[in-house]
Protein backbone atom coordinates (compact mmCIF):
# COMPACT_ATOMS: atom_id res chain seq x y z
CA UNK A 1 1.33 -1.60 -5.41
CA UNK A 2 -0.64 1.08 -3.74
CA UNK A 3 1.25 3.25 -1.05
CA UNK A 4 -0.68 3.03 2.13
CA UNK A 5 -0.04 5.49 4.89
CA UNK A 6 -1.18 4.97 8.26
CA UNK A 7 -1.45 8.23 10.47
CA UNK A 8 -2.23 7.34 13.92
CA UNK A 9 -4.46 9.40 16.47
CA UNK A 10 -2.54 12.67 17.62
CA UNK A 11 -0.67 13.27 14.16
CA UNK A 12 -1.39 14.83 11.19
CA UNK A 13 -1.07 14.02 7.61
CA UNK A 14 1.64 15.66 5.28
CA UNK A 15 -0.05 18.30 3.16
CA UNK A 16 -0.26 17.23 -1.00
CA UNK A 17 2.28 19.97 -1.12
CA UNK A 18 4.97 17.77 1.44
CA UNK A 19 3.80 15.21 -0.38
CA UNK A 20 4.52 16.21 -3.87
CA UNK A 21 8.23 17.56 -2.65
CA UNK A 22 9.42 14.74 -0.85
CA UNK A 23 8.43 11.87 -3.74
CA UNK A 24 9.74 14.39 -6.49
CA UNK A 25 13.03 14.16 -4.30
CA UNK A 26 13.06 10.19 -4.24
CA UNK A 27 12.29 10.61 -8.28
CA UNK A 28 8.42 9.80 -8.20
CA UNK A 29 5.52 11.46 -8.79
CA UNK A 30 1.92 11.70 -7.08
CA UNK A 31 -0.86 10.37 -9.34
CA UNK A 32 -3.70 9.87 -7.44
CA UNK A 33 -4.43 10.37 -3.33
CA UNK A 34 -7.52 9.11 -1.33
CA UNK A 35 -8.01 9.52 2.38
CA UNK A 36 -10.25 8.41 4.81
CA UNK A 37 -10.70 8.38 8.72
CA UNK A 38 -9.64 4.94 10.23
CA UNK A 39 -12.23 2.30 11.33
CA UNK A 40 -11.07 3.44 15.17
CA UNK A 41 -12.21 6.86 14.04
CA UNK A 42 -8.88 8.19 15.69
CA UNK A 43 -6.31 8.09 12.88
CA UNK A 44 -6.13 8.07 8.60
CA UNK A 45 -6.12 5.91 6.04
CA UNK A 46 -4.53 7.46 3.06
CA UNK A 47 -3.84 5.38 -0.46
CA UNK A 48 -1.23 7.02 -2.67
CA UNK A 49 -0.62 5.87 -6.27
CA UNK A 50 2.63 6.80 -7.69
CA UNK A 51 4.43 6.74 -10.70
CA UNK A 52 6.85 4.84 -11.38
CA UNK A 53 5.56 2.24 -9.44
CA UNK A 54 7.25 0.77 -6.71
CA UNK A 55 9.23 -2.12 -7.91
CA UNK A 56 9.69 -4.27 -4.92
CA UNK A 57 7.61 -4.98 -1.55
CA UNK A 58 10.46 -3.43 0.59
CA UNK A 59 10.42 0.06 -1.94
CA UNK A 60 6.79 0.42 -1.06
CA UNK A 61 7.73 0.40 2.80
CA UNK A 62 9.97 3.05 1.90
CA UNK A 63 7.83 5.45 0.34
CA UNK A 64 5.03 4.67 3.18
CA UNK A 65 7.56 6.01 5.85
CA UNK A 66 8.91 8.71 3.82
CA UNK A 67 5.21 10.03 3.43
CA UNK A 68 4.55 10.19 7.25
CA UNK A 69 3.21 6.46 8.08
CA UNK A 70 3.52 5.20 11.56
CA UNK A 71 6.81 3.85 11.92
CA UNK A 72 5.62 0.66 14.29
CA UNK A 73 3.42 -0.20 11.46
CA UNK A 74 6.15 -0.22 8.72
CA UNK A 75 8.41 -1.74 10.92
CA UNK A 76 6.77 -4.74 10.77
CA UNK A 77 5.89 -4.54 6.98
CA UNK A 78 9.88 -4.46 6.40
CA UNK A 79 10.28 -8.20 7.38
CA UNK A 80 6.81 -8.60 5.69
CA UNK A 81 8.07 -7.05 2.49
CA UNK A 82 11.58 -8.60 2.49
CA UNK A 83 9.86 -12.45 2.87
CA UNK A 84 7.49 -11.15 -0.37
CA UNK A 85 10.34 -10.00 -1.95
CA UNK A 86 12.22 -13.08 -1.80
CA UNK A 87 9.51 -15.36 -2.64
CA UNK A 88 9.37 -17.08 0.93
CA UNK A 89 5.10 -16.44 0.78
CA UNK A 90 2.42 -18.11 -0.64
CA UNK A 91 0.58 -16.09 -3.35
CA UNK A 92 -2.36 -15.24 -1.00
CA UNK A 93 -0.11 -13.61 1.04
CA UNK A 94 1.84 -11.35 -1.21
CA UNK A 95 -1.24 -9.71 -2.09
CA UNK A 96 -2.24 -9.13 1.70
CA UNK A 97 1.25 -8.24 3.28
CA UNK A 98 0.35 -4.50 3.39
CA UNK A 99 -2.82 -4.03 4.76
CA UNK A 100 -4.26 -0.94 6.82
CA UNK A 101 -5.96 -2.26 10.22
CA UNK A 102 -8.25 0.33 12.48
């Protein structure tokens, strides 16, 4: 799963060094990072690939929070992730629960 970070306007993304430190403390290693301005033009969307890969949707949400993603977004994602992990959602939504919006 891709770790998707949503940074809102007025909040600076974490530096790569800080991301590496936090991920290492949690037992992960950063493999790849891409960053682009959000469609609104006010924030940032960052996508990370880490090793090992998160095993569950809930673990992905935890990593997103750890890496500085918008807590409001991740509060909603917790509920979605719980449903995905329990198999309560159709296959289509299992692939689309963790999206970045403008």
